[in-house]
Amino acid sequence: MPEADFRSVGRVEDIPPGTIRAVEVDDQEIAIANVDGEFFATQQHCLHLQGPLAEGRLEGKTLSCPWHGWQYDVRTGKNEFDHSIQLQTFEVKVEGDEVKVAV
């Protein structure tokens, strides 16, 4: 299995705990969330009507879409109401002060 290609998407201090930011990697929009110092990445658009998740509210591990309130667990991408609905997730690692996402 080939090793994941990690791309730098920002610095740790640019995504403080409790916040979420949109980044673009190879024409793919990704939302990066910082949950108590641990970083998670999901697709940037809600599965409902493509709302911009990085503009939503992050409470603990739960990300709420700003348009219609759909909620997801940023660790797994699973919808909080219906676990059969799931965002695409991406592996994240921190090297020094760089946040990197596997694409």
C-alpha atoms as a PDB file:
ATOM      1  CA  MET A   1       0.000   0.000   0.000  1.00  0.00           C
ATOM      2  CA  PRO A   2       1.528   3.359  -0.979  1.00  0.00           C
ATOM      3  CA  GLU A   3       2.341   5.806   1.781  1.00  0.00           C
ATOM      4  CA  ALA A   4      -0.097   8.706   2.149  1.00  0.00           C
ATOM      5  CA  ASP A   5       0.946  11.997   0.592  1.00  0.00           C
ATOM      6  CA  PHE A   6       0.780  14.564   3.400  1.00  0.00           C
ATOM      7  CA  ARG A   7       0.460  18.212   2.364  1.00  0.00           C
ATOM      8  CA  SER A   8       1.027  21.219   4.600  1.00  0.00           C
ATOM      9  CA  VAL A   9      -2.224  23.170   5.045  1.00  0.00           C
ATOM     10  CA  GLY A  10      -1.259  25.703   7.690  1.00  0.00           C
ATOM     11  CA  ARG A  11       0.374  26.382  10.997  1.00  0.00           C
ATOM     12  CA  VAL A  12      -0.861  25.130  14.362  1.00  0.00           C
ATOM     13  CA  GLU A  13      -1.368  28.689  15.649  1.00  0.00           C
ATOM     14  CA  ASP A  14      -3.583  29.518  12.639  1.00  0.00           C
ATOM     15  CA  ILE A  15      -6.208  27.000  13.821  1.00  0.00           C
ATOM     16  CA  PRO A  16      -6.698  27.566  17.570  1.00  0.00           C
ATOM     17  CA  PRO A  17      -8.545  24.988  19.716  1.00  0.00           C
ATOM     18  CA  GLY A  18     -12.289  25.129  19.145  1.00  0.00           C
ATOM     19  CA  THR A  19     -12.009  26.519  15.608  1.00  0.00           C
ATOM     20  CA  ILE A  20     -12.336  25.170  12.094  1.00  0.00           C
ATOM     21  CA  ARG A  21     -10.761  26.463   8.878  1.00  0.00           C
ATOM     22  CA  ALA A  22     -11.272  25.752   5.183  1.00  0.00           C
ATOM     23  CA  VAL A  23      -8.207  24.805   3.124  1.00  0.00           C
ATOM     24  CA  GLU A  24      -7.743  23.646  -0.444  1.00  0.00           C
ATOM     25  CA  VAL A  25      -5.450  20.788  -1.451  1.00  0.00           C
ATOM     26  CA  ASP A  26      -5.249  19.739  -5.105  1.00  0.00           C
ATOM     27  CA  ASP A  27      -8.627  21.348  -5.933  1.00  0.00           C
ATOM     28  CA  GLN A  28     -10.197  19.533  -2.973  1.00  0.00           C
ATOM     29  CA  GLU A  29     -11.838  21.674  -0.287  1.00  0.00           C
ATOM     30  CA  ILE A  30     -11.168  20.392   3.223  1.00  0.00           C
ATOM     31  CA  ALA A  31     -12.279  21.599   6.670  1.00  0.00           C
ATOM     32  CA  ILE A  32      -9.622  21.357   9.412  1.00  0.00           C
ATOM     33  CA  ALA A  33     -10.906  21.320  13.002  1.00  0.00           C
ATOM     34  CA  ASN A  34      -8.906  21.723  16.210  1.00  0.00           C
ATOM     35  CA  VAL A  35     -10.543  19.812  19.066  1.00  0.00           C
ATOM     36  CA  ASP A  36      -8.601  20.538  22.278  1.00  0.00           C
ATOM     37  CA  GLY A  37      -5.284  20.597  20.413  1.00  0.00           C
ATOM     38  CA  GLU A  38      -6.006  17.548  18.241  1.00  0.00           C
ATOM     39  CA  PHE A  39      -6.586  18.136  14.534  1.00  0.00           C
ATOM     40  CA  PHE A  40      -9.195  16.455  12.317  1.00  0.00           C
ATOM     41  CA  ALA A  41     -10.061  16.933   8.646  1.00  0.00           C
ATOM     42  CA  THR A  42     -13.296  16.349   6.737  1.00  0.00           C
ATOM     43  CA  GLN A  43     -14.668  17.369   3.393  1.00  0.00           C
ATOM     44  CA  GLN A  44     -15.622  21.060   3.458  1.00  0.00           C
ATOM     45  CA  HIS A  45     -19.211  20.755   2.181  1.00  0.00           C
ATOM     46  CA  CYS A  46     -22.200  19.405   4.095  1.00  0.00           C
ATOM     47  CA  LEU A  47     -23.863  16.330   2.618  1.00  0.00           C
ATOM     48  CA  HIS A  48     -27.285  17.999   2.865  1.00  0.00           C
ATOM     49  CA  LEU A  49     -27.113  21.038   0.534  1.00  0.00           C
ATOM     50  CA  GLN A  50     -23.340  21.589   0.330  1.00  0.00           C
ATOM     51  CA  GLY A  51     -23.211  24.164   3.150  1.00  0.00           C
ATOM     52  CA  PRO A  52     -19.695  25.468   3.992  1.00  0.00           C
ATOM     53  CA  LEU A  53     -18.784  23.458   7.082  1.00  0.00           C
ATOM     54  CA  ALA A  54     -15.755  25.597   7.990  1.00  0.00           C
ATOM     55  CA  GLU A  55     -18.197  28.470   8.573  1.00  0.00           C
ATOM     56  CA  GLY A  56     -20.155  26.308  11.002  1.00  0.00           C
ATOM     57  CA  ARG A  57     -19.947  25.980  14.769  1.00  0.00           C
ATOM     58  CA  LEU A  58     -17.539  23.577  16.456  1.00  0.00           C
ATOM     59  CA  GLU A  59     -18.594  22.484  19.950  1.00  0.00           C
ATOM     60  CA  GLY A  60     -16.241  19.846  21.298  1.00  0.00           C
ATOM     61  CA  LYS A  61     -16.102  17.187  18.577  1.00  0.00           C
ATOM     62  CA  THR A  62     -19.427  18.216  17.008  1.00  0.00           C
ATOM     63  CA  LEU A  63     -19.454  20.375  13.892  1.00  0.00           C
ATOM     64  CA  SER A  64     -22.772  22.033  12.978  1.00  0.00           C
ATOM     65  CA  CYS A  65     -23.417  23.173   9.407  1.00  0.00           C
ATOM     66  CA  PRO A  66     -24.209  26.918   9.318  1.00  0.00           C
ATOM     67  CA  TRP A  67     -27.058  26.501   6.820  1.00  0.00           C
ATOM     68  CA  HIS A  68     -29.431  23.906   8.300  1.00  0.00           C
ATOM     69  CA  GLY A  69     -27.703  22.661  11.433  1.00  0.00           C
ATOM     70  CA  TRP A  70     -26.700  19.170  10.287  1.00  0.00           C
ATOM     71  CA  GLN A  71     -24.207  17.880  12.850  1.00  0.00           C
ATOM     72  CA  TYR A  72     -21.154  15.694  12.333  1.00  0.00           C
ATOM     73  CA  ASP A  73     -18.486  14.160  14.559  1.00  0.00           C
ATOM     74  CA  VAL A  74     -15.272  15.647  13.137  1.00  0.00           C
ATOM     75  CA  ARG A  75     -13.295  12.610  14.340  1.00  0.00           C
ATOM     76  CA  THR A  76     -15.265  10.116  12.241  1.00  0.00           C
ATOM     77  CA  GLY A  77     -17.280  12.252   9.810  1.00  0.00           C
ATOM     78  CA  LYS A  78     -20.471  10.523  10.966  1.00  0.00           C
ATOM     79  CA  ASN A  79     -23.719  12.464  11.040  1.00  0.00           C
ATOM     80  CA  GLU A  80     -24.883  12.752  14.653  1.00  0.00           C
ATOM     81  CA  PHE A  81     -28.490  11.830  13.768  1.00  0.00           C
ATOM     82  CA  ASP A  82     -27.975   9.142  11.124  1.00  0.00           C
ATOM     83  CA  HIS A  83     -24.664   7.256  11.287  1.00  0.00           C
ATOM     84  CA  SER A  84     -25.167   5.900   7.769  1.00  0.00           C
ATOM     85  CA  ILE A  85     -24.485   9.463   6.543  1.00  0.00           C
ATOM     86  CA  GLN A  86     -20.766  10.181   6.698  1.00  0.00           C
ATOM     87  CA  LEU A  87     -18.432  12.918   5.519  1.00  0.00           C
ATOM     88  CA  GLN A  88     -15.184  11.962   3.839  1.00  0.00           C
ATOM     89  CA  THR A  89     -12.355  12.270   6.376  1.00  0.00           C
ATOM     90  CA  PHE A  90      -8.634  12.750   5.923  1.00  0.00           C
ATOM     91  CA  GLU A  91      -5.658  11.741   8.055  1.00  0.00           C
ATOM     92  CA  VAL A  92      -3.955  14.676   9.798  1.00  0.00           C
ATOM     93  CA  LYS A  93      -0.541  14.966  11.435  1.00  0.00           C
ATOM     94  CA  VAL A  94       1.415  17.791  13.009  1.00  0.00           C
ATOM     95  CA  GLU A  95       5.119  18.137  12.278  1.00  0.00           C
ATOM     96  CA  GLY A  96       6.725  20.932  14.258  1.00  0.00           C
ATOM     97  CA  ASP A  97       4.257  23.794  13.856  1.00  0.00           C
ATOM     98  CA  GLU A  98       2.890  22.592  10.491  1.00  0.00           C
ATOM     99  CA  VAL A  99      -0.520  20.942  10.137  1.00  0.00           C
ATOM    100  CA  LYS A 100      -0.482  18.367   7.321  1.00  0.00           C
ATOM    101  CA  VAL A 101      -3.318  16.464   5.660  1.00  0.00           C
ATOM    102  CA  ALA A 102      -3.090  13.186   3.722  1.00  0.00           C
ATOM    103  CA  VAL A 103      -4.590  13.413   0.242  1.00  0.00           C
END
